[in-house]
Amino acid sequence: MARSHDFGRACESDAARYLEADGWTILARNFRAGHGEIDLVACRENVVAFVEVKGRAGDGFGHPLDAVTPAKQREIARVARRWIAVHGTPRLVYRFDAMAVTRRRSGARHIEHLADAWRL
């Protein structure tokens, strides 16, 4: 369990660095509301992205983004509404992104950023 948790956090850090290199500012990591959580909240210009990060150490369990199910999307949307209620402003545009981080034992990694991955 601890290894899985550590791996997930490392993938989130990889994703955050990727976004920052692309001009995004990370506003929050692991924002929680109740039992739900958003991995990253990022902003660039007037766009705020609620980002779900999924990582895999290989190809054995399918593509990481396959795990962003409709139920997971609804959970993230619920938490996003809470973030908007606390931090949002009318000038901002909100969207849901997903990122896949695939890491190999060699240390090599591949990151995919799916902007505007789903809508409510």
PDB file of N, CA and C in Angstrom:
ATOM      1  N   MET A   1       0.822  -1.194   0.000  1.00  0.00           N
ATOM      2  CA  MET A   1       0.000   0.000   0.000  1.00  0.00           C
ATOM      3  C   MET A   1       0.861   1.252   0.000  1.00  0.00           C
ATOM      4  N   ALA A   2       1.876   1.303   0.819  1.00  0.00           N
ATOM      5  CA  ALA A   2       2.713   2.492   0.885  1.00  0.00           C
ATOM      6  C   ALA A   2       3.429   2.717  -0.443  1.00  0.00           C
ATOM      7  N   ARG A   3       3.889   1.645  -1.087  1.00  0.00           N
ATOM      8  CA  ARG A   3       4.555   1.803  -2.386  1.00  0.00           C
ATOM      9  C   ARG A   3       3.608   2.383  -3.422  1.00  0.00           C
ATOM     10  N   SER A   4       2.382   1.898  -3.440  1.00  0.00           N
ATOM     11  CA  SER A   4       1.383   2.381  -4.388  1.00  0.00           C
ATOM     12  C   SER A   4       1.102   3.862  -4.142  1.00  0.00           C
ATOM     13  N   HIS A   5       0.948   4.230  -2.882  1.00  0.00           N
ATOM     14  CA  HIS A   5       0.702   5.626  -2.514  1.00  0.00           C
ATOM     15  C   HIS A   5       1.888   6.498  -2.934  1.00  0.00           C
ATOM     16  N   ASP A   6       3.096   6.051  -2.645  1.00  0.00           N
ATOM     17  CA  ASP A   6       4.304   6.797  -3.019  1.00  0.00           C
ATOM     18  C   ASP A   6       4.410   6.925  -4.535  1.00  0.00           C
ATOM     19  N   PHE A   7       4.087   5.859  -5.241  1.00  0.00           N
ATOM     20  CA  PHE A   7       4.128   5.900  -6.698  1.00  0.00           C
ATOM     21  C   PHE A   7       3.125   6.921  -7.229  1.00  0.00           C
ATOM     22  N   GLY A   8       1.935   6.920  -6.673  1.00  0.00           N
ATOM     23  CA  GLY A   8       0.910   7.878  -7.098  1.00  0.00           C
ATOM     24  C   GLY A   8       1.336   9.315  -6.862  1.00  0.00           C
ATOM     25  N   ARG A   9       1.936   9.568  -5.712  1.00  0.00           N
ATOM     26  CA  ARG A   9       2.419  10.924  -5.413  1.00  0.00           C
ATOM     27  C   ARG A   9       3.538  11.325  -6.362  1.00  0.00           C
ATOM     28  N   ALA A  10       4.421  10.389  -6.702  1.00  0.00           N
ATOM     29  CA  ALA A  10       5.498  10.685  -7.648  1.00  0.00           C
ATOM     30  C   ALA A  10       4.925  11.012  -9.028  1.00  0.00           C
ATOM     31  N   CYS A  11       3.900  10.294  -9.443  1.00  0.00           N
ATOM     32  CA  CYS A  11       3.261  10.579 -10.726  1.00  0.00           C
ATOM     33  C   CYS A  11       2.606  11.955 -10.711  1.00  0.00           C
ATOM     34  N   GLU A  12       1.967  12.314  -9.602  1.00  0.00           N
ATOM     35  CA  GLU A  12       1.367  13.649  -9.477  1.00  0.00           C
ATOM     36  C   GLU A  12       2.441  14.730  -9.563  1.00  0.00           C
ATOM     37  N   SER A  13       3.586  14.495  -8.952  1.00  0.00           N
ATOM     38  CA  SER A  13       4.689  15.458  -9.031  1.00  0.00           C
ATOM     39  C   SER A  13       5.200  15.584 -10.455  1.00  0.00           C
ATOM     40  N   ASP A  14       5.315  14.458 -11.163  1.00  0.00           N
ATOM     41  CA  ASP A  14       5.712  14.492 -12.573  1.00  0.00           C
ATOM     42  C   ASP A  14       4.718  15.329 -13.380  1.00  0.00           C
ATOM     43  N   ALA A  15       3.440  15.098 -13.143  1.00  0.00           N
ATOM     44  CA  ALA A  15       2.400  15.821 -13.873  1.00  0.00           C
ATOM     45  C   ALA A  15       2.458  17.319 -13.558  1.00  0.00           C
ATOM     46  N   ALA A  16       2.666  17.664 -12.296  1.00  0.00           N
ATOM     47  CA  ALA A  16       2.744  19.080 -11.907  1.00  0.00           C
ATOM     48  C   ALA A  16       3.927  19.758 -12.596  1.00  0.00           C
ATOM     49  N   ARG A  17       5.068  19.101 -12.623  1.00  0.00           N
ATOM     50  CA  ARG A  17       6.242  19.675 -13.305  1.00  0.00           C
ATOM     51  C   ARG A  17       5.971  19.861 -14.799  1.00  0.00           C
ATOM     52  N   TYR A  18       5.313  18.897 -15.395  1.00  0.00           N
ATOM     53  CA  TYR A  18       4.959  18.975 -16.813  1.00  0.00           C
ATOM     54  C   TYR A  18       4.079  20.195 -17.071  1.00  0.00           C
ATOM     55  N   LEU A  19       3.051  20.370 -16.244  1.00  0.00           N
ATOM     56  CA  LEU A  19       2.146  21.510 -16.408  1.00  0.00           C
ATOM     57  C   LEU A  19       2.879  22.835 -16.199  1.00  0.00           C
ATOM     58  N   GLU A  20       3.706  22.900 -15.172  1.00  0.00           N
ATOM     59  CA  GLU A  20       4.460  24.131 -14.908  1.00  0.00           C
ATOM     60  C   GLU A  20       5.374  24.480 -16.082  1.00  0.00           C
ATOM     61  N   ALA A  21       5.997  23.478 -16.678  1.00  0.00           N
ATOM     62  CA  ALA A  21       6.857  23.715 -17.845  1.00  0.00           C
ATOM     63  C   ALA A  21       6.045  24.211 -19.038  1.00  0.00           C
ATOM     64  N   ASP A  22       4.743  23.923 -19.038  1.00  0.00           N
ATOM     65  CA  ASP A  22       3.847  24.351 -20.114  1.00  0.00           C
ATOM     66  C   ASP A  22       3.146  25.672 -19.775  1.00  0.00           C
ATOM     67  N   GLY A  23       3.590  26.340 -18.708  1.00  0.00           N
ATOM     68  CA  GLY A  23       3.051  27.655 -18.380  1.00  0.00           C
ATOM     69  C   GLY A  23       1.916  27.690 -17.380  1.00  0.00           C
ATOM     70  N   TRP A  24       1.583  26.556 -16.793  1.00  0.00           N
ATOM     71  CA  TRP A  24       0.516  26.499 -15.790  1.00  0.00           C
ATOM     72  C   TRP A  24       1.090  26.800 -14.408  1.00  0.00           C
ATOM     73  N   THR A  25       0.252  27.356 -13.558  1.00  0.00           N
ATOM     74  CA  THR A  25       0.569  27.551 -12.148  1.00  0.00           C
ATOM     75  C   THR A  25      -0.264  26.555 -11.354  1.00  0.00           C
ATOM     76  N   ILE A  26       0.365  25.825 -10.471  1.00  0.00           N
ATOM     77  CA  ILE A  26      -0.366  24.868  -9.632  1.00  0.00           C
ATOM     78  C   ILE A  26      -0.952  25.635  -8.455  1.00  0.00           C
ATOM     79  N   LEU A  27      -2.273  25.657  -8.372  1.00  0.00           N
ATOM     80  CA  LEU A  27      -2.968  26.357  -7.295  1.00  0.00           C
ATOM     81  C   LEU A  27      -3.182  25.469  -6.080  1.00  0.00           C
ATOM     82  N   ALA A  28      -3.350  24.176  -6.321  1.00  0.00           N
ATOM     83  CA  ALA A  28      -3.584  23.244  -5.210  1.00  0.00           C
ATOM     84  C   ALA A  28      -3.185  21.842  -5.638  1.00  0.00           C
ATOM     85  N   ARG A  29      -2.729  21.084  -4.647  1.00  0.00           N
ATOM     86  CA  ARG A  29      -2.457  19.656  -4.821  1.00  0.00           C
ATOM     87  C   ARG A  29      -3.317  18.918  -3.816  1.00  0.00           C
ATOM     88  N   ASN A  30      -3.919  17.849  -4.273  1.00  0.00           N
ATOM     89  CA  ASN A  30      -4.727  16.990  -3.403  1.00  0.00           C
ATOM     90  C   ASN A  30      -5.781  17.780  -2.637  1.00  0.00           C
ATOM     91  N   PHE A  31      -6.531  18.603  -3.361  1.00  0.00           N
ATOM     92  CA  PHE A  31      -7.621  19.377  -2.745  1.00  0.00           C
ATOM     93  C   PHE A  31      -8.747  18.425  -2.384  1.00  0.00           C
ATOM     94  N   ARG A  32      -9.137  18.442  -1.121  1.00  0.00           N
ATOM     95  CA  ARG A  32     -10.142  17.510  -0.616  1.00  0.00           C
ATOM     96  C   ARG A  32     -11.423  18.221  -0.227  1.00  0.00           C
ATOM     97  N   ALA A  33     -12.512  17.532  -0.457  1.00  0.00           N
ATOM     98  CA  ALA A  33     -13.827  17.941   0.028  1.00  0.00           C
ATOM     99  C   ALA A  33     -14.555  16.655   0.376  1.00  0.00           C
ATOM    100  N   GLY A  34     -14.806  16.462   1.660  1.00  0.00           N
ATOM    101  CA  GLY A  34     -15.390  15.197   2.088  1.00  0.00           C
ATOM    102  C   GLY A  34     -14.418  14.073   1.801  1.00  0.00           C
ATOM    103  N   HIS A  35     -14.930  13.025   1.153  1.00  0.00           N
ATOM    104  CA  HIS A  35     -14.081  11.871   0.830  1.00  0.00           C
ATOM    105  C   HIS A  35     -13.435  12.003  -0.541  1.00  0.00           C
ATOM    106  N   GLY A  36     -13.785  13.043  -1.283  1.00  0.00           N
ATOM    107  CA  GLY A  36     -13.253  13.198  -2.629  1.00  0.00           C
ATOM    108  C   GLY A  36     -12.014  14.070  -2.669  1.00  0.00           C
ATOM    109  N   GLU A  37     -11.291  13.945  -3.774  1.00  0.00           N
ATOM    110  CA  GLU A  37     -10.045  14.682  -3.918  1.00  0.00           C
ATOM    111  C   GLU A  37      -9.793  14.987  -5.389  1.00  0.00           C
ATOM    112  N   ILE A  38      -9.210  16.161  -5.632  1.00  0.00           N
ATOM    113  CA  ILE A  38      -8.711  16.521  -6.951  1.00  0.00           C
ATOM    114  C   ILE A  38      -7.197  16.524  -6.843  1.00  0.00           C
ATOM    115  N   ASP A  39      -6.538  15.815  -7.732  1.00  0.00           N
ATOM    116  CA  ASP A  39      -5.082  15.688  -7.655  1.00  0.00           C
ATOM    117  C   ASP A  39      -4.385  17.035  -7.809  1.00  0.00           C
ATOM    118  N   LEU A  40      -4.734  17.768  -8.871  1.00  0.00           N
ATOM    119  CA  LEU A  40      -4.107  19.066  -9.125  1.00  0.00           C
ATOM    120  C   LEU A  40      -5.161  20.063  -9.576  1.00  0.00           C
ATOM    121  N   VAL A  41      -5.025  21.288  -9.095  1.00  0.00           N
ATOM    122  CA  VAL A  41      -5.800  22.401  -9.619  1.00  0.00           C
ATOM    123  C   VAL A  41      -4.770  23.352 -10.205  1.00  0.00           C
ATOM    124  N   ALA A  42      -4.893  23.601 -11.511  1.00  0.00           N
ATOM    125  CA  ALA A  42      -3.892  24.395 -12.217  1.00  0.00           C
ATOM    126  C   ALA A  42      -4.563  25.551 -12.947  1.00  0.00           C
ATOM    127  N   CYS A  43      -3.810  26.649 -13.099  1.00  0.00           N
ATOM    128  CA  CYS A  43      -4.349  27.839 -13.761  1.00  0.00           C
ATOM    129  C   CYS A  43      -3.350  28.363 -14.788  1.00  0.00           C
ATOM    130  N   ARG A  44      -3.886  28.747 -15.931  1.00  0.00           N
ATOM    131  CA  ARG A  44      -3.092  29.426 -16.955  1.00  0.00           C
ATOM    132  C   ARG A  44      -4.025  30.449 -17.587  1.00  0.00           C
ATOM    133  N   GLU A  45      -3.589  31.717 -17.544  1.00  0.00           N
ATOM    134  CA  GLU A  45      -4.416  32.831 -17.999  1.00  0.00           C
ATOM    135  C   GLU A  45      -5.724  32.798 -17.219  1.00  0.00           C
ATOM    136  N   ASN A  46      -6.868  32.693 -17.888  1.00  0.00           N
ATOM    137  CA  ASN A  46      -8.144  32.686 -17.162  1.00  0.00           C
ATOM    138  C   ASN A  46      -8.775  31.296 -17.084  1.00  0.00           C
ATOM    139  N   VAL A  47      -7.990  30.248 -17.343  1.00  0.00           N
ATOM    140  CA  VAL A  47      -8.497  28.874 -17.323  1.00  0.00           C
ATOM    141  C   VAL A  47      -8.000  28.159 -16.073  1.00  0.00           C
ATOM    142  N   VAL A  48      -8.939  27.564 -15.355  1.00  0.00           N
ATOM    143  CA  VAL A  48      -8.594  26.702 -14.222  1.00  0.00           C
ATOM    144  C   VAL A  48      -8.939  25.278 -14.633  1.00  0.00           C
ATOM    145  N   ALA A  49      -7.945  24.401 -14.512  1.00  0.00           N
ATOM    146  CA  ALA A  49      -8.138  22.990 -14.852  1.00  0.00           C
ATOM    147  C   ALA A  49      -8.104  22.154 -13.580  1.00  0.00           C
ATOM    148  N   PHE A  50      -9.112  21.330 -13.411  1.00  0.00           N
ATOM    149  CA  PHE A  50      -9.140  20.336 -12.348  1.00  0.00           C
ATOM    150  C   PHE A  50      -8.584  19.070 -12.973  1.00  0.00           C
ATOM    151  N   VAL A  51      -7.427  18.629 -12.496  1.00  0.00           N
ATOM    152  CA  VAL A  51      -6.661  17.598 -13.184  1.00  0.00           C
ATOM    153  C   VAL A  51      -6.645  16.301 -12.384  1.00  0.00           C
ATOM    154  N   GLU A  52      -7.086  15.242 -13.024  1.00  0.00           N
ATOM    155  CA  GLU A  52      -6.981  13.897 -12.458  1.00  0.00           C
ATOM    156  C   GLU A  52      -5.749  13.244 -13.061  1.00  0.00           C
ATOM    157  N   VAL A  53      -4.860  12.757 -12.204  1.00  0.00           N
ATOM    158  CA  VAL A  53      -3.615  12.125 -12.646  1.00  0.00           C
ATOM    159  C   VAL A  53      -3.701  10.629 -12.367  1.00  0.00           C
ATOM    160  N   LYS A  54      -3.427   9.843 -13.392  1.00  0.00           N
ATOM    161  CA  LYS A  54      -3.396   8.391 -13.236  1.00  0.00           C
ATOM    162  C   LYS A  54      -2.038   7.890 -13.689  1.00  0.00           C
ATOM    163  N   GLY A  55      -1.440   7.046 -12.888  1.00  0.00           N
ATOM    164  CA  GLY A  55      -0.119   6.527 -13.209  1.00  0.00           C
ATOM    165  C   GLY A  55      -0.111   5.017 -13.296  1.00  0.00           C
ATOM    166  N   ARG A  56       0.794   4.522 -14.092  1.00  0.00           N
ATOM    167  CA  ARG A  56       1.018   3.079 -14.224  1.00  0.00           C
ATOM    168  C   ARG A  56       2.514   2.843 -14.320  1.00  0.00           C
ATOM    169  N   ALA A  57       2.937   1.727 -13.768  1.00  0.00           N
ATOM    170  CA  ALA A  57       4.345   1.350 -13.838  1.00  0.00           C
ATOM    171  C   ALA A  57       4.623   0.527 -15.088  1.00  0.00           C
ATOM    172  N   GLY A  58       3.609   0.216 -15.827  1.00  0.00           N
ATOM    173  CA  GLY A  58       3.773  -0.557 -17.055  1.00  0.00           C
ATOM    174  C   GLY A  58       2.440  -0.675 -17.756  1.00  0.00           C
ATOM    175  N   ASP A  59       2.340  -1.611 -18.681  1.00  0.00           N
ATOM    176  CA  ASP A  59       1.132  -1.764 -19.483  1.00  0.00           C
ATOM    177  C   ASP A  59       0.213  -2.878 -18.993  1.00  0.00           C
ATOM    178  N   GLY A  60       0.532  -3.499 -17.882  1.00  0.00           N
ATOM    179  CA  GLY A  60      -0.197  -4.665 -17.424  1.00  0.00           C
ATOM    180  C   GLY A  60      -1.646  -4.443 -17.039  1.00  0.00           C
ATOM    181  N   PHE A  61      -2.012  -3.226 -16.675  1.00  0.00           N
ATOM    182  CA  PHE A  61      -3.382  -2.972 -16.226  1.00  0.00           C
ATOM    183  C   PHE A  61      -4.112  -2.010 -17.151  1.00  0.00           C
ATOM    184  N   GLY A  62      -3.672  -1.921 -18.400  1.00  0.00           N
ATOM    185  CA  GLY A  62      -4.333  -1.053 -19.359  1.00  0.00           C
ATOM    186  C   GLY A  62      -3.820   0.374 -19.287  1.00  0.00           C
ATOM    187  N   HIS A  63      -4.407   1.200 -20.117  1.00  0.00           N
ATOM    188  CA  HIS A  63      -4.001   2.603 -20.171  1.00  0.00           C
ATOM    189  C   HIS A  63      -4.454   3.306 -18.891  1.00  0.00           C
ATOM    190  N   PRO A  64      -3.630   4.184 -18.343  1.00  0.00           N
ATOM    191  CA  PRO A  64      -3.995   4.857 -17.095  1.00  0.00           C
ATOM    192  C   PRO A  64      -5.324   5.608 -17.165  1.00  0.00           C
ATOM    193  N   LEU A  65      -5.621   6.224 -18.301  1.00  0.00           N
ATOM    194  CA  LEU A  65      -6.845   7.034 -18.384  1.00  0.00           C
ATOM    195  C   LEU A  65      -8.118   6.196 -18.412  1.00  0.00           C
ATOM    196  N   ASP A  66      -7.976   4.873 -18.622  1.00  0.00           N
ATOM    197  CA  ASP A  66      -9.144   4.001 -18.544  1.00  0.00           C
ATOM    198  C   ASP A  66      -9.740   4.009 -17.137  1.00  0.00           C
ATOM    199  N   ALA A  67      -8.948   4.401 -16.145  1.00  0.00           N
ATOM    200  CA  ALA A  67      -9.409   4.416 -14.759  1.00  0.00           C
ATOM    201  C   ALA A  67     -10.198   5.679 -14.413  1.00  0.00           C
ATOM    202  N   VAL A  68     -10.303   6.617 -15.338  1.00  0.00           N
ATOM    203  CA  VAL A  68     -11.096   7.829 -15.093  1.00  0.00           C
ATOM    204  C   VAL A  68     -12.517   7.532 -15.570  1.00  0.00           C
ATOM    205  N   THR A  69     -13.235   6.821 -14.734  1.00  0.00           N
ATOM    206  CA  THR A  69     -14.576   6.331 -15.050  1.00  0.00           C
ATOM    207  C   THR A  69     -15.612   7.444 -14.877  1.00  0.00           C
ATOM    208  N   PRO A  70     -16.819   7.244 -15.382  1.00  0.00           N
ATOM    209  CA  PRO A  70     -17.878   8.240 -15.139  1.00  0.00           C
ATOM    210  C   PRO A  70     -18.113   8.500 -13.645  1.00  0.00           C
ATOM    211  N   ALA A  71     -18.022   7.478 -12.815  1.00  0.00           N
ATOM    212  CA  ALA A  71     -18.182   7.683 -11.368  1.00  0.00           C
ATOM    213  C   ALA A  71     -17.071   8.572 -10.823  1.00  0.00           C
ATOM    214  N   LYS A  72     -15.843   8.357 -11.268  1.00  0.00           N
ATOM    215  CA  LYS A  72     -14.717   9.181 -10.839  1.00  0.00           C
ATOM    216  C   LYS A  72     -14.904  10.615 -11.331  1.00  0.00           C
ATOM    217  N   GLN A  73     -15.392  10.777 -12.534  1.00  0.00           N
ATOM    218  CA  GLN A  73     -15.645  12.111 -13.067  1.00  0.00           C
ATOM    219  C   GLN A  73     -16.673  12.854 -12.222  1.00  0.00           C
ATOM    220  N   ARG A  74     -17.731  12.170 -11.803  1.00  0.00           N
ATOM    221  CA  ARG A  74     -18.748  12.797 -10.953  1.00  0.00           C
ATOM    222  C   ARG A  74     -18.165  13.201  -9.603  1.00  0.00           C
ATOM    223  N   GLU A  75     -17.311  12.349  -9.032  1.00  0.00           N
ATOM    224  CA  GLU A  75     -16.670  12.668  -7.753  1.00  0.00           C
ATOM    225  C   GLU A  75     -15.792  13.916  -7.894  1.00  0.00           C
ATOM    226  N   ILE A  76     -15.010  13.979  -8.945  1.00  0.00           N
ATOM    227  CA  ILE A  76     -14.134  15.125  -9.169  1.00  0.00           C
ATOM    228  C   ILE A  76     -14.978  16.388  -9.369  1.00  0.00           C
ATOM    229  N   ALA A  77     -16.079  16.276 -10.093  1.00  0.00           N
ATOM    230  CA  ALA A  77     -16.961  17.426 -10.315  1.00  0.00           C
ATOM    231  C   ALA A  77     -17.524  17.939  -8.993  1.00  0.00           C
ATOM    232  N   ARG A  78     -17.883  17.032  -8.099  1.00  0.00           N
ATOM    233  CA  ARG A  78     -18.414  17.444  -6.793  1.00  0.00           C
ATOM    234  C   ARG A  78     -17.361  18.232  -6.023  1.00  0.00           C
ATOM    235  N   VAL A  79     -16.132  17.756  -6.020  1.00  0.00           N
ATOM    236  CA  VAL A  79     -15.048  18.440  -5.315  1.00  0.00           C
ATOM    237  C   VAL A  79     -14.724  19.763  -6.017  1.00  0.00           C
ATOM    238  N   ALA A  80     -14.781  19.773  -7.339  1.00  0.00           N
ATOM    239  CA  ALA A  80     -14.517  21.001  -8.096  1.00  0.00           C
ATOM    240  C   ALA A  80     -15.534  22.082  -7.743  1.00  0.00           C
ATOM    241  N   ARG A  81     -16.797  21.699  -7.582  1.00  0.00           N
ATOM    242  CA  ARG A  81     -17.813  22.682  -7.185  1.00  0.00           C
ATOM    243  C   ARG A  81     -17.465  23.310  -5.842  1.00  0.00           C
ATOM    244  N   ARG A  82     -16.924  22.525  -4.942  1.00  0.00           N
ATOM    245  CA  ARG A  82     -16.509  23.053  -3.642  1.00  0.00           C
ATOM    246  C   ARG A  82     -15.337  24.017  -3.809  1.00  0.00           C
ATOM    247  N   TRP A  83     -14.354  23.666  -4.641  1.00  0.00           N
ATOM    248  CA  TRP A  83     -13.208  24.547  -4.872  1.00  0.00           C
ATOM    249  C   TRP A  83     -13.688  25.873  -5.460  1.00  0.00           C
ATOM    250  N   ILE A  84     -14.605  25.804  -6.436  1.00  0.00           N
ATOM    251  CA  ILE A  84     -15.134  27.019  -7.066  1.00  0.00           C
ATOM    252  C   ILE A  84     -15.880  27.873  -6.041  1.00  0.00           C
ATOM    253  N   ALA A  85     -16.643  27.234  -5.161  1.00  0.00           N
ATOM    254  CA  ALA A  85     -17.390  27.987  -4.138  1.00  0.00           C
ATOM    255  C   ALA A  85     -16.448  28.754  -3.215  1.00  0.00           C
ATOM    256  N   VAL A  86     -15.293  28.186  -2.935  1.00  0.00           N
ATOM    257  CA  VAL A  86     -14.343  28.815  -2.015  1.00  0.00           C
ATOM    258  C   VAL A  86     -13.396  29.774  -2.732  1.00  0.00           C
ATOM    259  N   HIS A  87     -12.899  29.394  -3.910  1.00  0.00           N
ATOM    260  CA  HIS A  87     -11.821  30.134  -4.572  1.00  0.00           C
ATOM    261  C   HIS A  87     -12.203  30.758  -5.912  1.00  0.00           C
ATOM    262  N   GLY A  88     -13.341  30.408  -6.454  1.00  0.00           N
ATOM    263  CA  GLY A  88     -13.678  30.813  -7.816  1.00  0.00           C
ATOM    264  C   GLY A  88     -14.032  32.285  -7.959  1.00  0.00           C
ATOM    265  N   THR A  89     -13.904  32.763  -9.182  1.00  0.00           N
ATOM    266  CA  THR A  89     -14.336  34.114  -9.540  1.00  0.00           C
ATOM    267  C   THR A  89     -15.035  34.033 -10.893  1.00  0.00           C
ATOM    268  N   PRO A  90     -15.924  34.980 -11.180  1.00  0.00           N
ATOM    269  CA  PRO A  90     -16.689  34.927 -12.436  1.00  0.00           C
ATOM    270  C   PRO A  90     -15.825  35.018 -13.697  1.00  0.00           C
ATOM    271  N   ARG A  91     -14.647  35.596 -13.624  1.00  0.00           N
ATOM    272  CA  ARG A  91     -13.823  35.772 -14.831  1.00  0.00           C
ATOM    273  C   ARG A  91     -13.118  34.492 -15.275  1.00  0.00           C
ATOM    274  N   LEU A  92     -13.179  33.448 -14.454  1.00  0.00           N
ATOM    275  CA  LEU A  92     -12.451  32.217 -14.759  1.00  0.00           C
ATOM    276  C   LEU A  92     -13.302  31.234 -15.558  1.00  0.00           C
ATOM    277  N   VAL A  93     -12.634  30.466 -16.392  1.00  0.00           N
ATOM    278  CA  VAL A  93     -13.234  29.372 -17.137  1.00  0.00           C
ATOM    279  C   VAL A  93     -12.717  28.082 -16.508  1.00  0.00           C
ATOM    280  N   TYR A  94     -13.614  27.128 -16.281  1.00  0.00           N
ATOM    281  CA  TYR A  94     -13.239  25.887 -15.598  1.00  0.00           C
ATOM    282  C   TYR A  94     -13.364  24.706 -16.549  1.00  0.00           C
ATOM    283  N   ARG A  95     -12.437  23.764 -16.404  1.00  0.00           N
ATOM    284  CA  ARG A  95     -12.498  22.559 -17.220  1.00  0.00           C
ATOM    285  C   ARG A  95     -11.895  21.392 -16.440  1.00  0.00           C
ATOM    286  N   PHE A  96     -12.122  20.186 -16.980  1.00  0.00           N
ATOM    287  CA  PHE A  96     -11.590  18.963 -16.385  1.00  0.00           C
ATOM    288  C   PHE A  96     -10.566  18.367 -17.331  1.00  0.00           C
ATOM    289  N   ASP A  97      -9.355  18.160 -16.827  1.00  0.00           N
ATOM    290  CA  ASP A  97      -8.273  17.546 -17.601  1.00  0.00           C
ATOM    291  C   ASP A  97      -7.916  16.209 -16.969  1.00  0.00           C
ATOM    292  N   ALA A  98      -7.278  15.371 -17.748  1.00  0.00           N
ATOM    293  CA  ALA A  98      -6.757  14.103 -17.242  1.00  0.00           C
ATOM    294  C   ALA A  98      -5.326  13.957 -17.739  1.00  0.00           C
ATOM    295  N   MET A  99      -4.495  13.371 -16.900  1.00  0.00           N
ATOM    296  CA  MET A  99      -3.108  13.137 -17.274  1.00  0.00           C
ATOM    297  C   MET A  99      -2.741  11.695 -16.966  1.00  0.00           C
ATOM    298  N   ALA A 100      -2.032  11.100 -17.899  1.00  0.00           N
ATOM    299  CA  ALA A 100      -1.526   9.740 -17.734  1.00  0.00           C
ATOM    300  C   ALA A 100      -0.013   9.815 -17.604  1.00  0.00           C
ATOM    301  N   VAL A 101       0.495   9.183 -16.570  1.00  0.00           N
ATOM    302  CA  VAL A 101       1.945   9.114 -16.367  1.00  0.00           C
ATOM    303  C   VAL A 101       2.314   7.634 -16.352  1.00  0.00           C
ATOM    304  N   THR A 102       3.117   7.235 -17.315  1.00  0.00           N
ATOM    305  CA  THR A 102       3.597   5.857 -17.378  1.00  0.00           C
ATOM    306  C   THR A 102       5.083   5.878 -17.061  1.00  0.00           C
ATOM    307  N   ARG A 103       5.449   5.159 -16.018  1.00  0.00           N
ATOM    308  CA  ARG A 103       6.856   5.119 -15.583  1.00  0.00           C
ATOM    309  C   ARG A 103       7.365   3.694 -15.711  1.00  0.00           C
ATOM    310  N   ARG A 104       8.567   3.589 -16.186  1.00  0.00           N
ATOM    311  CA  ARG A 104       9.218   2.290 -16.338  1.00  0.00           C
ATOM    312  C   ARG A 104      10.222   2.097 -15.208  1.00  0.00           C
ATOM    313  N   ARG A 105      10.617   0.863 -14.993  1.00  0.00           N
ATOM    314  CA  ARG A 105      11.622   0.570 -13.964  1.00  0.00           C
ATOM    315  C   ARG A 105      12.933   1.302 -14.242  1.00  0.00           C
ATOM    316  N   SER A 106      13.211   1.544 -15.513  1.00  0.00           N
ATOM    317  CA  SER A 106      14.444   2.247 -15.898  1.00  0.00           C
ATOM    318  C   SER A 106      14.426   3.708 -15.460  1.00  0.00           C
ATOM    319  N   GLY A 107      13.252   4.205 -15.060  1.00  0.00           N
ATOM    320  CA  GLY A 107      13.115   5.609 -14.684  1.00  0.00           C
ATOM    321  C   GLY A 107      12.519   6.444 -15.792  1.00  0.00           C
ATOM    322  N   ALA A 108      12.478   5.910 -17.008  1.00  0.00           N
ATOM    323  CA  ALA A 108      11.876   6.642 -18.120  1.00  0.00           C
ATOM    324  C   ALA A 108      10.386   6.820 -17.859  1.00  0.00           C
ATOM    325  N   ARG A 109       9.860   7.941 -18.308  1.00  0.00           N
ATOM    326  CA  ARG A 109       8.431   8.174 -18.119  1.00  0.00           C
ATOM    327  C   ARG A 109       7.840   8.799 -19.374  1.00  0.00           C
ATOM    328  N   HIS A 110       6.560   8.589 -19.526  1.00  0.00           N
ATOM    329  CA  HIS A 110       5.810   9.168 -20.636  1.00  0.00           C
ATOM    330  C   HIS A 110       4.595   9.854 -20.021  1.00  0.00           C
ATOM    331  N   ILE A 111       4.366  11.109 -20.405  1.00  0.00           N
ATOM    332  CA  ILE A 111       3.244  11.868 -19.853  1.00  0.00           C
ATOM    333  C   ILE A 111       2.329  12.297 -20.989  1.00  0.00           C
ATOM    334  N   GLU A 112       1.035  12.048 -20.797  1.00  0.00           N
ATOM    335  CA  GLU A 112       0.011  12.508 -21.730  1.00  0.00           C
ATOM    336  C   GLU A 112      -0.909  13.461 -20.983  1.00  0.00           C
ATOM    337  N   HIS A 113      -1.221  14.580 -21.597  1.00  0.00           N
ATOM    338  CA  HIS A 113      -2.132  15.555 -21.012  1.00  0.00           C
ATOM    339  C   HIS A 113      -3.342  15.667 -21.931  1.00  0.00           C
ATOM    340  N   LEU A 114      -4.476  15.244 -21.436  1.00  0.00           N
ATOM    341  CA  LEU A 114      -5.722  15.311 -22.193  1.00  0.00           C
ATOM    342  C   LEU A 114      -6.516  16.506 -21.671  1.00  0.00           C
ATOM    343  N   ALA A 115      -6.410  17.616 -22.383  1.00  0.00           N
ATOM    344  CA  ALA A 115      -7.097  18.855 -21.982  1.00  0.00           C
ATOM    345  C   ALA A 115      -8.589  18.719 -22.267  1.00  0.00           C
ATOM    346  N   ASP A 116      -9.402  19.289 -21.355  1.00  0.00           N
ATOM    347  CA  ASP A 116     -10.861  19.272 -21.526  1.00  0.00           C
ATOM    348  C   ASP A 116     -11.332  17.844 -21.756  1.00  0.00           C
ATOM    349  N   ALA A 117     -10.892  16.949 -20.890  1.00  0.00           N
ATOM    350  CA  ALA A 117     -11.115  15.506 -21.053  1.00  0.00           C
ATOM    351  C   ALA A 117     -12.575  15.098 -20.975  1.00  0.00           C
ATOM    352  N   TRP A 118     -13.379  15.819 -20.213  1.00  0.00           N
ATOM    353  CA  TRP A 118     -14.810  15.526 -20.127  1.00  0.00           C
ATOM    354  C   TRP A 118     -15.541  16.782 -19.705  1.00  0.00           C
ATOM    355  N   ARG A 119     -16.821  16.730 -19.925  1.00  0.00           N
ATOM    356  CA  ARG A 119     -17.696  17.854 -19.554  1.00  0.00           C
ATOM    357  C   ARG A 119     -18.867  17.305 -18.768  1.00  0.00           C
ATOM    358  N   LEU A 120     -19.436  18.191 -17.985  1.00  0.00           N
ATOM    359  CA  LEU A 120     -20.596  17.783 -17.191  1.00  0.00           C
ATOM    360  C   LEU A 120     -21.877  17.956 -17.990  1.00  0.00           C
TER     361      LEU A 120
END
